[in-house]
Amino acid sequence: MQTRFKGLLAAGLLAFAAAAPAAELDLNFSNEAARLSGSWGLTGNLEADVGWLHNKDRGDAGHVGIRLVGLATGGQPPIRAGLGGRIVYFDSDVRNRSGSALALGGDVRVNLPEADRIQFGAYLWFSPEVLSFGSATRYREIGAYVGYEVLRDASVYLGLRQVNANFKRTSDTNIDSGLHLGLRIRF
């Protein structure tokens, strides 16, 4: 299963290169972890995304997802938001356990009106026990970031995230947590 999911993620990232307009590529890293993800528009406000997080000591988490994106407010500053679902596969090196989940959630992003190159964002993805499979009983990913648009289609950011899973007969297992630096490119 793990090899198949990694193959699916690799295929998704390759398909990303030939994706529709409004694509975004995101690479972030810390001393312990790195994540590569991409998203692209499908039709209208529907967006697909794929990503892989690797922590050298704690394990991996990969996802493929789909969400509805658009403006959450009509005023200034406009808030961009997305809601949807992800199929997540995670493999913990700490407890030598793996599982999968259907995580629901979304993200918000806002640029300051007076300094529109400064950007704030947050996201949350959650799967309760009923939507978690294998030996997993829960999955949660939560994060926030502040960034600066160096170019209108490229930004750098500082983020904080926590990705954890819970397995049967064990406590929470952190797959990744802490600060990271990132680069986001839109094309």
N, C-alpha and C. Protein backbone atom coordinates (compact mmCIF):
# COMPACT_ATOMS: atom_id res chain seq x y z
N MET A 1 0.83 -1.20 0.00
CA MET A 1 0.00 0.00 0.00
C MET A 1 0.86 1.25 0.00
N GLN A 2 1.90 1.29 0.82
CA GLN A 2 2.75 2.47 0.92
C GLN A 2 3.40 2.78 -0.43
N THR A 3 3.91 1.78 -1.12
CA THR A 3 4.55 2.00 -2.42
C THR A 3 3.55 2.50 -3.44
N ARG A 4 2.33 1.96 -3.42
CA ARG A 4 1.30 2.42 -4.35
C ARG A 4 0.95 3.88 -4.11
N PHE A 5 0.80 4.26 -2.85
CA PHE A 5 0.43 5.64 -2.55
C PHE A 5 1.55 6.60 -2.95
N LYS A 6 2.80 6.23 -2.68
CA LYS A 6 3.92 7.08 -3.09
C LYS A 6 3.95 7.19 -4.61
N GLY A 7 3.63 6.11 -5.31
CA GLY A 7 3.55 6.15 -6.77
C GLY A 7 2.44 7.07 -7.24
N LEU A 8 1.30 7.03 -6.56
CA LEU A 8 0.19 7.92 -6.89
C LEU A 8 0.57 9.37 -6.67
N LEU A 9 1.27 9.66 -5.57
CA LEU A 9 1.73 11.03 -5.32
C LEU A 9 2.71 11.48 -6.39
N ALA A 10 3.65 10.61 -6.75
CA ALA A 10 4.62 10.96 -7.79
C ALA A 10 3.91 11.25 -9.10
N ALA A 11 2.93 10.42 -9.45
CA ALA A 11 2.17 10.65 -10.69
C ALA A 11 1.40 11.96 -10.61
N GLY A 12 0.83 12.27 -9.44
CA GLY A 12 0.11 13.53 -9.27
C GLY A 12 1.02 14.73 -9.42
N LEU A 13 2.23 14.66 -8.86
CA LEU A 13 3.17 15.77 -8.99
C LEU A 13 3.64 15.92 -10.43
N LEU A 14 3.79 14.81 -11.15
CA LEU A 14 4.15 14.90 -12.57
C LEU A 14 3.01 15.50 -13.38
N ALA A 15 1.80 15.09 -13.07
CA ALA A 15 0.64 15.65 -13.77
C ALA A 15 0.50 17.14 -13.49
N PHE A 16 0.96 17.55 -12.32
CA PHE A 16 0.94 18.96 -11.94
C PHE A 16 1.68 19.81 -12.97
N ALA A 17 2.79 19.29 -13.50
CA ALA A 17 3.59 20.04 -14.47
C ALA A 17 2.80 20.36 -15.73
N ALA A 18 1.85 19.50 -16.08
CA ALA A 18 1.05 19.71 -17.29
C ALA A 18 -0.35 20.20 -16.95
N ALA A 19 -0.54 20.73 -15.77
CA ALA A 19 -1.87 21.09 -15.29
C ALA A 19 -2.41 22.36 -15.95
N ALA A 20 -3.66 22.62 -15.64
CA ALA A 20 -4.37 23.79 -16.16
C ALA A 20 -3.80 25.08 -15.59
N PRO A 21 -4.24 26.23 -16.13
CA PRO A 21 -3.80 27.51 -15.58
C PRO A 21 -4.17 27.64 -14.10
N ALA A 22 -3.61 28.60 -13.45
CA ALA A 22 -3.84 28.88 -12.03
C ALA A 22 -3.23 27.80 -11.15
N ALA A 23 -2.06 27.34 -11.53
CA ALA A 23 -1.36 26.32 -10.74
C ALA A 23 -0.46 26.99 -9.71
N GLU A 24 -0.18 26.26 -8.64
CA GLU A 24 0.67 26.76 -7.58
C GLU A 24 1.58 25.62 -7.10
N LEU A 25 2.83 25.92 -6.90
CA LEU A 25 3.81 24.96 -6.39
C LEU A 25 4.36 25.52 -5.09
N ASP A 26 4.43 24.66 -4.06
CA ASP A 26 4.85 25.08 -2.73
C ASP A 26 5.90 24.12 -2.21
N LEU A 27 7.05 24.65 -1.81
CA LEU A 27 8.11 23.87 -1.19
C LEU A 27 8.46 24.53 0.12
N ASN A 28 8.41 23.76 1.21
CA ASN A 28 8.82 24.30 2.50
C ASN A 28 9.67 23.28 3.24
N PHE A 29 10.49 23.79 4.18
CA PHE A 29 11.43 22.90 4.86
C PHE A 29 11.85 23.48 6.20
N SER A 30 12.33 22.58 7.07
CA SER A 30 12.99 22.92 8.32
C SER A 30 14.21 22.00 8.40
N ASN A 31 14.89 21.98 9.52
CA ASN A 31 16.03 21.07 9.66
C ASN A 31 15.61 19.62 9.63
N GLU A 32 14.39 19.32 10.07
CA GLU A 32 13.93 17.94 10.17
C GLU A 32 12.98 17.50 9.07
N ALA A 33 12.32 18.44 8.40
CA ALA A 33 11.24 18.05 7.49
C ALA A 33 11.22 18.90 6.22
N ALA A 34 10.60 18.32 5.18
CA ALA A 34 10.38 19.04 3.93
C ALA A 34 9.03 18.62 3.36
N ARG A 35 8.34 19.56 2.73
CA ARG A 35 7.07 19.26 2.08
C ARG A 35 7.08 19.87 0.68
N LEU A 36 6.62 19.09 -0.27
CA LEU A 36 6.41 19.55 -1.64
C LEU A 36 4.94 19.34 -1.94
N SER A 37 4.27 20.37 -2.39
CA SER A 37 2.86 20.25 -2.75
C SER A 37 2.55 21.12 -3.95
N GLY A 38 1.49 20.76 -4.61
CA GLY A 38 1.05 21.52 -5.77
C GLY A 38 -0.46 21.52 -5.84
N SER A 39 -1.01 22.56 -6.43
CA SER A 39 -2.45 22.64 -6.64
C SER A 39 -2.72 23.28 -7.99
N TRP A 40 -3.85 22.95 -8.58
CA TRP A 40 -4.19 23.51 -9.87
C TRP A 40 -5.70 23.51 -10.03
N GLY A 41 -6.18 24.47 -10.83
CA GLY A 41 -7.61 24.60 -11.08
C GLY A 41 -8.10 23.50 -12.00
N LEU A 42 -9.29 23.00 -11.70
CA LEU A 42 -9.91 21.98 -12.56
C LEU A 42 -10.97 22.64 -13.44
N THR A 43 -12.09 23.01 -12.84
CA THR A 43 -13.13 23.74 -13.55
C THR A 43 -13.75 24.73 -12.58
N GLY A 44 -14.05 25.91 -13.06
CA GLY A 44 -14.68 26.91 -12.19
C GLY A 44 -13.86 27.16 -10.94
N ASN A 45 -14.46 26.97 -9.79
CA ASN A 45 -13.79 27.19 -8.50
C ASN A 45 -13.27 25.90 -7.89
N LEU A 46 -13.23 24.81 -8.63
CA LEU A 46 -12.76 23.53 -8.12
C LEU A 46 -11.26 23.41 -8.33
N GLU A 47 -10.56 23.00 -7.29
CA GLU A 47 -9.10 22.92 -7.31
C GLU A 47 -8.65 21.56 -6.78
N ALA A 48 -7.65 20.97 -7.41
CA ALA A 48 -7.06 19.71 -6.95
C ALA A 48 -5.71 20.02 -6.32
N ASP A 49 -5.31 19.17 -5.37
CA ASP A 49 -3.98 19.35 -4.79
C ASP A 49 -3.38 18.00 -4.42
N VAL A 50 -2.07 17.97 -4.39
CA VAL A 50 -1.32 16.77 -4.05
C VAL A 50 -0.08 17.22 -3.29
N GLY A 51 0.36 16.42 -2.33
CA GLY A 51 1.54 16.81 -1.57
C GLY A 51 2.15 15.67 -0.79
N TRP A 52 3.40 15.87 -0.41
CA TRP A 52 4.12 14.87 0.37
C TRP A 52 4.97 15.58 1.40
N LEU A 53 4.83 15.19 2.66
CA LEU A 53 5.61 15.70 3.77
C LEU A 53 6.52 14.59 4.26
N HIS A 54 7.81 14.89 4.39
CA HIS A 54 8.76 13.91 4.90
C HIS A 54 9.48 14.50 6.10
N ASN A 55 9.43 13.79 7.24
CA ASN A 55 10.20 14.15 8.41
C ASN A 55 11.23 13.06 8.61
N LYS A 56 12.50 13.42 8.65
CA LYS A 56 13.58 12.42 8.66
C LYS A 56 13.56 11.50 9.87
N ASP A 57 12.96 11.93 10.98
CA ASP A 57 12.92 11.10 12.18
C ASP A 57 11.54 10.56 12.53
N ARG A 58 10.48 11.16 11.99
CA ARG A 58 9.13 10.82 12.46
C ARG A 58 8.24 10.14 11.43
N GLY A 59 8.57 10.24 10.13
CA GLY A 59 7.74 9.56 9.14
C GLY A 59 7.31 10.45 8.00
N ASP A 60 6.30 9.99 7.28
CA ASP A 60 5.81 10.64 6.07
C ASP A 60 4.30 10.79 6.11
N ALA A 61 3.80 11.78 5.39
CA ALA A 61 2.37 11.95 5.19
C ALA A 61 2.18 12.48 3.78
N GLY A 62 1.36 11.82 3.01
CA GLY A 62 1.06 12.27 1.65
C GLY A 62 -0.43 12.42 1.46
N HIS A 63 -0.82 13.26 0.53
CA HIS A 63 -2.25 13.47 0.31
C HIS A 63 -2.55 13.78 -1.15
N VAL A 64 -3.79 13.48 -1.53
CA VAL A 64 -4.40 13.96 -2.77
C VAL A 64 -5.75 14.51 -2.36
N GLY A 65 -6.13 15.64 -2.91
CA GLY A 65 -7.37 16.25 -2.45
C GLY A 65 -8.05 17.08 -3.51
N ILE A 66 -9.23 17.52 -3.15
CA ILE A 66 -10.03 18.40 -4.00
C ILE A 66 -10.78 19.36 -3.08
N ARG A 67 -10.91 20.61 -3.52
CA ARG A 67 -11.61 21.60 -2.70
C ARG A 67 -12.23 22.67 -3.57
N LEU A 68 -13.20 23.33 -3.02
CA LEU A 68 -13.86 24.46 -3.65
C LEU A 68 -13.20 25.72 -3.11
N VAL A 69 -12.73 26.61 -3.98
CA VAL A 69 -12.03 27.82 -3.55
C VAL A 69 -12.75 29.06 -4.08
N GLY A 70 -12.58 30.15 -3.37
CA GLY A 70 -13.17 31.41 -3.79
C GLY A 70 -12.98 32.47 -2.74
N LEU A 71 -13.60 33.62 -2.95
CA LEU A 71 -13.52 34.72 -1.99
C LEU A 71 -14.55 34.50 -0.89
N ALA A 72 -14.12 34.60 0.35
CA ALA A 72 -15.01 34.41 1.49
C ALA A 72 -15.67 35.73 1.91
N THR A 73 -15.11 36.86 1.46
CA THR A 73 -15.68 38.17 1.78
C THR A 73 -15.70 39.02 0.52
N GLY A 74 -16.55 40.02 0.53
CA GLY A 74 -16.61 40.93 -0.60
C GLY A 74 -15.91 42.25 -0.35
N GLY A 75 -15.48 42.46 0.88
CA GLY A 75 -14.86 43.73 1.24
C GLY A 75 -13.35 43.70 1.14
N GLN A 76 -12.76 44.70 1.76
CA GLN A 76 -11.29 44.81 1.77
C GLN A 76 -10.78 44.50 3.16
N PRO A 77 -9.81 43.71 3.36
CA PRO A 77 -9.11 42.96 2.32
C PRO A 77 -9.91 41.72 1.94
N PRO A 78 -9.83 41.29 0.69
CA PRO A 78 -10.52 40.06 0.30
C PRO A 78 -9.86 38.86 0.97
N ILE A 79 -10.68 37.96 1.46
CA ILE A 79 -10.18 36.74 2.09
C ILE A 79 -10.47 35.59 1.14
N ARG A 80 -9.42 34.90 0.72
CA ARG A 80 -9.55 33.72 -0.15
C ARG A 80 -9.67 32.50 0.75
N ALA A 81 -10.60 31.62 0.46
CA ALA A 81 -10.80 30.44 1.29
C ALA A 81 -11.04 29.21 0.42
N GLY A 82 -10.81 28.06 0.99
CA GLY A 82 -11.07 26.80 0.32
C GLY A 82 -11.59 25.78 1.31
N LEU A 83 -12.56 24.96 0.88
CA LEU A 83 -13.12 23.89 1.70
C LEU A 83 -13.17 22.62 0.87
N GLY A 84 -12.81 21.49 1.48
CA GLY A 84 -12.85 20.25 0.72
C GLY A 84 -12.40 19.06 1.52
N GLY A 85 -11.88 18.09 0.81
CA GLY A 85 -11.44 16.85 1.43
C GLY A 85 -10.13 16.36 0.84
N ARG A 86 -9.45 15.54 1.62
CA ARG A 86 -8.18 14.94 1.21
C ARG A 86 -8.17 13.47 1.61
N ILE A 87 -7.59 12.66 0.76
CA ILE A 87 -7.25 11.30 1.14
C ILE A 87 -5.79 11.36 1.58
N VAL A 88 -5.54 10.98 2.83
CA VAL A 88 -4.22 11.12 3.42
C VAL A 88 -3.69 9.73 3.76
N TYR A 89 -2.42 9.49 3.46
CA TYR A 89 -1.73 8.28 3.90
C TYR A 89 -0.57 8.73 4.77
N PHE A 90 -0.41 8.13 5.94
CA PHE A 90 0.68 8.51 6.82
C PHE A 90 1.36 7.26 7.37
N ASP A 91 2.64 7.40 7.55
CA ASP A 91 3.48 6.30 8.01
C ASP A 91 4.41 6.85 9.08
N SER A 92 4.21 6.40 10.32
CA SER A 92 4.99 6.92 11.44
C SER A 92 6.22 6.05 11.68
N ASP A 93 7.39 6.68 11.67
CA ASP A 93 8.62 5.97 12.01
C ASP A 93 8.76 5.79 13.52
N VAL A 94 8.08 6.64 14.29
CA VAL A 94 8.21 6.62 15.75
C VAL A 94 7.61 5.34 16.33
N ARG A 95 6.41 4.99 15.91
CA ARG A 95 5.72 3.82 16.44
C ARG A 95 5.62 2.70 15.40
N ASN A 96 6.23 2.88 14.24
CA ASN A 96 6.19 1.91 13.16
C ASN A 96 4.75 1.54 12.82
N ARG A 97 3.92 2.55 12.66
CA ARG A 97 2.52 2.36 12.33
C ARG A 97 2.17 3.19 11.11
N SER A 98 1.18 2.74 10.37
CA SER A 98 0.72 3.49 9.21
C SER A 98 -0.80 3.45 9.16
N GLY A 99 -1.36 4.36 8.41
CA GLY A 99 -2.80 4.42 8.27
C GLY A 99 -3.20 5.38 7.18
N SER A 100 -4.49 5.52 6.99
CA SER A 100 -5.00 6.46 6.00
C SER A 100 -6.27 7.08 6.56
N ALA A 101 -6.69 8.16 5.93
CA ALA A 101 -7.85 8.88 6.42
C ALA A 101 -8.46 9.72 5.32
N LEU A 102 -9.73 9.99 5.46
CA LEU A 102 -10.41 10.98 4.64
C LEU A 102 -10.53 12.21 5.53
N ALA A 103 -9.68 13.20 5.30
CA ALA A 103 -9.65 14.40 6.12
C ALA A 103 -10.46 15.51 5.47
N LEU A 104 -11.26 16.17 6.25
CA LEU A 104 -12.05 17.31 5.79
C LEU A 104 -11.46 18.58 6.39
N GLY A 105 -11.56 19.67 5.67
CA GLY A 105 -11.02 20.92 6.19
C GLY A 105 -10.92 21.99 5.13
N GLY A 106 -9.95 22.88 5.35
CA GLY A 106 -9.78 23.97 4.41
C GLY A 106 -8.72 24.95 4.85
N ASP A 107 -8.68 26.07 4.13
CA ASP A 107 -7.67 27.08 4.38
C ASP A 107 -8.23 28.46 4.11
N VAL A 108 -7.57 29.47 4.68
CA VAL A 108 -7.88 30.88 4.41
C VAL A 108 -6.58 31.62 4.16
N ARG A 109 -6.65 32.64 3.33
CA ARG A 109 -5.48 33.45 3.00
C ARG A 109 -5.94 34.89 2.79
N VAL A 110 -5.21 35.83 3.38
CA VAL A 110 -5.57 37.24 3.25
C VAL A 110 -4.31 38.07 3.06
N ASN A 111 -4.38 39.06 2.17
CA ASN A 111 -3.31 40.04 1.99
C ASN A 111 -3.75 41.33 2.67
N LEU A 112 -2.83 41.99 3.37
CA LEU A 112 -3.16 43.24 4.04
C LEU A 112 -3.51 44.32 3.01
N PRO A 113 -4.54 45.13 3.26
CA PRO A 113 -4.94 46.14 2.28
C PRO A 113 -3.90 47.25 2.09
N GLU A 114 -3.26 47.70 3.15
CA GLU A 114 -2.29 48.78 3.04
C GLU A 114 -0.90 48.30 2.64
N ALA A 115 -0.63 47.03 2.80
CA ALA A 115 0.65 46.43 2.42
C ALA A 115 0.31 45.10 1.75
N ASP A 116 -0.22 45.19 0.51
CA ASP A 116 -0.81 44.01 -0.12
C ASP A 116 0.18 42.90 -0.48
N ARG A 117 1.46 43.13 -0.27
CA ARG A 117 2.43 42.05 -0.50
C ARG A 117 2.61 41.17 0.75
N ILE A 118 2.10 41.61 1.88
CA ILE A 118 2.17 40.83 3.11
C ILE A 118 0.91 39.97 3.20
N GLN A 119 1.12 38.68 3.48
CA GLN A 119 0.05 37.71 3.42
C GLN A 119 0.02 36.87 4.70
N PHE A 120 -1.18 36.59 5.17
CA PHE A 120 -1.40 35.72 6.32
C PHE A 120 -2.28 34.56 5.88
N GLY A 121 -2.04 33.39 6.43
CA GLY A 121 -2.88 32.25 6.10
C GLY A 121 -2.91 31.23 7.21
N ALA A 122 -3.93 30.37 7.16
CA ALA A 122 -4.08 29.29 8.13
C ALA A 122 -4.82 28.15 7.46
N TYR A 123 -4.64 26.94 7.99
CA TYR A 123 -5.33 25.78 7.45
C TYR A 123 -5.56 24.74 8.54
N LEU A 124 -6.55 23.89 8.32
CA LEU A 124 -6.88 22.80 9.23
C LEU A 124 -7.46 21.66 8.41
N TRP A 125 -6.94 20.45 8.64
CA TRP A 125 -7.46 19.22 8.05
C TRP A 125 -7.65 18.23 9.19
N PHE A 126 -8.82 17.60 9.26
CA PHE A 126 -9.12 16.73 10.39
C PHE A 126 -9.90 15.50 9.93
N SER A 127 -9.57 14.37 10.52
CA SER A 127 -10.30 13.13 10.27
C SER A 127 -10.58 12.46 11.60
N PRO A 128 -11.86 12.27 11.95
CA PRO A 128 -12.18 11.54 13.18
C PRO A 128 -12.04 10.03 12.93
N GLU A 129 -12.30 9.27 13.96
CA GLU A 129 -12.11 7.81 13.87
C GLU A 129 -12.95 7.18 12.76
N VAL A 130 -14.17 7.65 12.56
CA VAL A 130 -15.05 7.05 11.57
C VAL A 130 -14.52 7.21 10.14
N LEU A 131 -13.66 8.22 9.90
CA LEU A 131 -13.08 8.45 8.58
C LEU A 131 -11.60 8.08 8.52
N SER A 132 -11.11 7.35 9.53
CA SER A 132 -9.71 6.91 9.57
C SER A 132 -9.68 5.39 9.40
N PHE A 133 -8.65 4.90 8.70
CA PHE A 133 -8.61 3.50 8.32
C PHE A 133 -7.29 2.85 8.71
N GLY A 134 -7.24 1.53 8.65
CA GLY A 134 -6.07 0.79 9.08
C GLY A 134 -6.02 0.84 10.60
N SER A 135 -4.85 1.03 11.16
CA SER A 135 -4.73 1.11 12.61
C SER A 135 -4.90 2.55 13.11
N ALA A 136 -5.21 3.48 12.20
CA ALA A 136 -5.38 4.89 12.58
C ALA A 136 -6.75 5.13 13.20
N THR A 137 -6.79 5.99 14.20
CA THR A 137 -8.06 6.39 14.79
C THR A 137 -8.33 7.89 14.66
N ARG A 138 -7.33 8.64 14.17
CA ARG A 138 -7.54 10.08 13.98
C ARG A 138 -6.35 10.66 13.23
N TYR A 139 -6.61 11.73 12.48
CA TYR A 139 -5.55 12.48 11.81
C TYR A 139 -5.88 13.95 11.95
N ARG A 140 -4.85 14.78 12.21
CA ARG A 140 -5.06 16.22 12.30
C ARG A 140 -3.84 16.95 11.77
N GLU A 141 -4.09 17.98 10.97
CA GLU A 141 -3.03 18.87 10.50
C GLU A 141 -3.53 20.30 10.66
N ILE A 142 -2.74 21.10 11.35
CA ILE A 142 -3.12 22.49 11.59
C ILE A 142 -1.87 23.35 11.37
N GLY A 143 -2.06 24.52 10.78
CA GLY A 143 -0.91 25.38 10.53
C GLY A 143 -1.31 26.82 10.24
N ALA A 144 -0.31 27.67 10.30
CA ALA A 144 -0.48 29.09 10.00
C ALA A 144 0.84 29.62 9.44
N TYR A 145 0.77 30.71 8.69
CA TYR A 145 1.98 31.27 8.11
C TYR A 145 1.81 32.77 7.86
N VAL A 146 2.94 33.45 7.73
CA VAL A 146 2.99 34.84 7.30
C VAL A 146 4.02 34.90 6.18
N GLY A 147 3.65 35.58 5.10
CA GLY A 147 4.54 35.61 3.94
C GLY A 147 4.66 36.98 3.32
N TYR A 148 5.59 37.07 2.38
CA TYR A 148 5.83 38.30 1.65
C TYR A 148 5.94 37.96 0.17
N GLU A 149 5.15 38.64 -0.68
CA GLU A 149 5.20 38.43 -2.12
C GLU A 149 6.38 39.19 -2.70
N VAL A 150 7.45 38.49 -2.97
CA VAL A 150 8.63 39.09 -3.58
C VAL A 150 8.29 39.53 -5.00
N LEU A 151 7.61 38.69 -5.73
CA LEU A 151 7.02 38.98 -7.03
C LEU A 151 5.53 38.72 -6.89
N ARG A 152 4.71 39.22 -7.79
CA ARG A 152 3.27 38.99 -7.67
C ARG A 152 2.92 37.51 -7.77
N ASP A 153 3.77 36.72 -8.39
CA ASP A 153 3.51 35.29 -8.51
C ASP A 153 4.50 34.43 -7.75
N ALA A 154 5.22 35.00 -6.80
CA ALA A 154 6.17 34.23 -6.00
C ALA A 154 6.28 34.86 -4.62
N SER A 155 6.15 34.04 -3.60
CA SER A 155 6.25 34.55 -2.24
C SER A 155 7.10 33.62 -1.38
N VAL A 156 7.68 34.20 -0.35
CA VAL A 156 8.40 33.44 0.67
C VAL A 156 7.61 33.59 1.96
N TYR A 157 7.71 32.58 2.83
CA TYR A 157 6.92 32.65 4.05
C TYR A 157 7.58 31.88 5.19
N LEU A 158 7.13 32.20 6.40
CA LEU A 158 7.51 31.50 7.61
C LEU A 158 6.23 30.88 8.16
N GLY A 159 6.26 29.57 8.37
CA GLY A 159 5.07 28.87 8.82
C GLY A 159 5.29 28.07 10.09
N LEU A 160 4.20 27.70 10.69
CA LEU A 160 4.19 26.87 11.89
C LEU A 160 3.12 25.81 11.65
N ARG A 161 3.46 24.52 11.84
CA ARG A 161 2.48 23.47 11.61
C ARG A 161 2.63 22.36 12.64
N GLN A 162 1.54 21.60 12.76
CA GLN A 162 1.57 20.37 13.55
C GLN A 162 0.74 19.34 12.79
N VAL A 163 1.37 18.20 12.52
CA VAL A 163 0.72 17.09 11.83
C VAL A 163 0.82 15.90 12.77
N ASN A 164 -0.33 15.37 13.19
CA ASN A 164 -0.26 14.19 14.05
C ASN A 164 -1.37 13.21 13.74
N ALA A 165 -1.13 11.98 14.15
CA ALA A 165 -2.07 10.89 13.96
C ALA A 165 -2.18 10.12 15.27
N ASN A 166 -3.30 9.47 15.43
CA ASN A 166 -3.49 8.62 16.59
C ASN A 166 -3.78 7.21 16.08
N PHE A 167 -3.18 6.23 16.71
CA PHE A 167 -3.34 4.84 16.31
C PHE A 167 -3.96 4.05 17.45
N LYS A 168 -4.54 2.91 17.13
CA LYS A 168 -5.14 2.05 18.15
C LYS A 168 -4.09 1.66 19.18
N ARG A 169 -4.46 1.75 20.45
CA ARG A 169 -3.63 1.35 21.59
C ARG A 169 -2.34 2.15 21.71
N THR A 170 -2.28 3.37 21.16
CA THR A 170 -1.12 4.25 21.35
C THR A 170 -1.61 5.68 21.52
N SER A 171 -0.74 6.54 21.98
CA SER A 171 -1.08 7.95 22.11
C SER A 171 -0.84 8.66 20.78
N ASP A 172 -1.09 9.96 20.78
CA ASP A 172 -0.83 10.76 19.57
C ASP A 172 0.61 10.60 19.12
N THR A 173 0.81 10.56 17.82
CA THR A 173 2.14 10.48 17.23
C THR A 173 2.33 11.71 16.36
N ASN A 174 3.27 12.57 16.71
CA ASN A 174 3.58 13.73 15.88
C ASN A 174 4.38 13.29 14.68
N ILE A 175 3.89 13.59 13.49
CA ILE A 175 4.63 13.32 12.27
C ILE A 175 5.53 14.51 11.97
N ASP A 176 5.04 15.71 12.27
CA ASP A 176 5.87 16.92 12.14
C ASP A 176 5.26 18.02 12.99
N SER A 177 6.12 18.86 13.55
CA SER A 177 5.66 20.05 14.27
C SER A 177 6.79 21.05 14.31
N GLY A 178 6.43 22.32 14.32
CA GLY A 178 7.43 23.37 14.43
C GLY A 178 7.42 24.34 13.27
N LEU A 179 8.44 25.19 13.26
CA LEU A 179 8.58 26.23 12.25
C LEU A 179 9.20 25.69 10.97
N HIS A 180 8.85 26.33 9.84
CA HIS A 180 9.46 25.99 8.55
C HIS A 180 9.49 27.23 7.67
N LEU A 181 10.39 27.23 6.70
CA LEU A 181 10.49 28.28 5.69
C LEU A 181 9.91 27.74 4.39
N GLY A 182 9.30 28.62 3.61
CA GLY A 182 8.69 28.15 2.38
C GLY A 182 8.80 29.10 1.22
N LEU A 183 8.62 28.55 0.03
CA LEU A 183 8.58 29.27 -1.23
C LEU A 183 7.35 28.81 -2.00
N ARG A 184 6.52 29.75 -2.41
CA ARG A 184 5.30 29.44 -3.15
C ARG A 184 5.35 30.18 -4.49
N ILE A 185 5.15 29.44 -5.57
CA ILE A 185 5.20 30.01 -6.91
C ILE A 185 3.86 29.74 -7.61
N ARG A 186 3.26 30.76 -8.20
CA ARG A 186 2.02 30.63 -8.95
C ARG A 186 2.28 30.87 -10.43
N PHE A 187 1.67 30.05 -11.25
CA PHE A 187 1.79 30.26 -12.71
C PHE A 187 0.56 29.80 -13.43
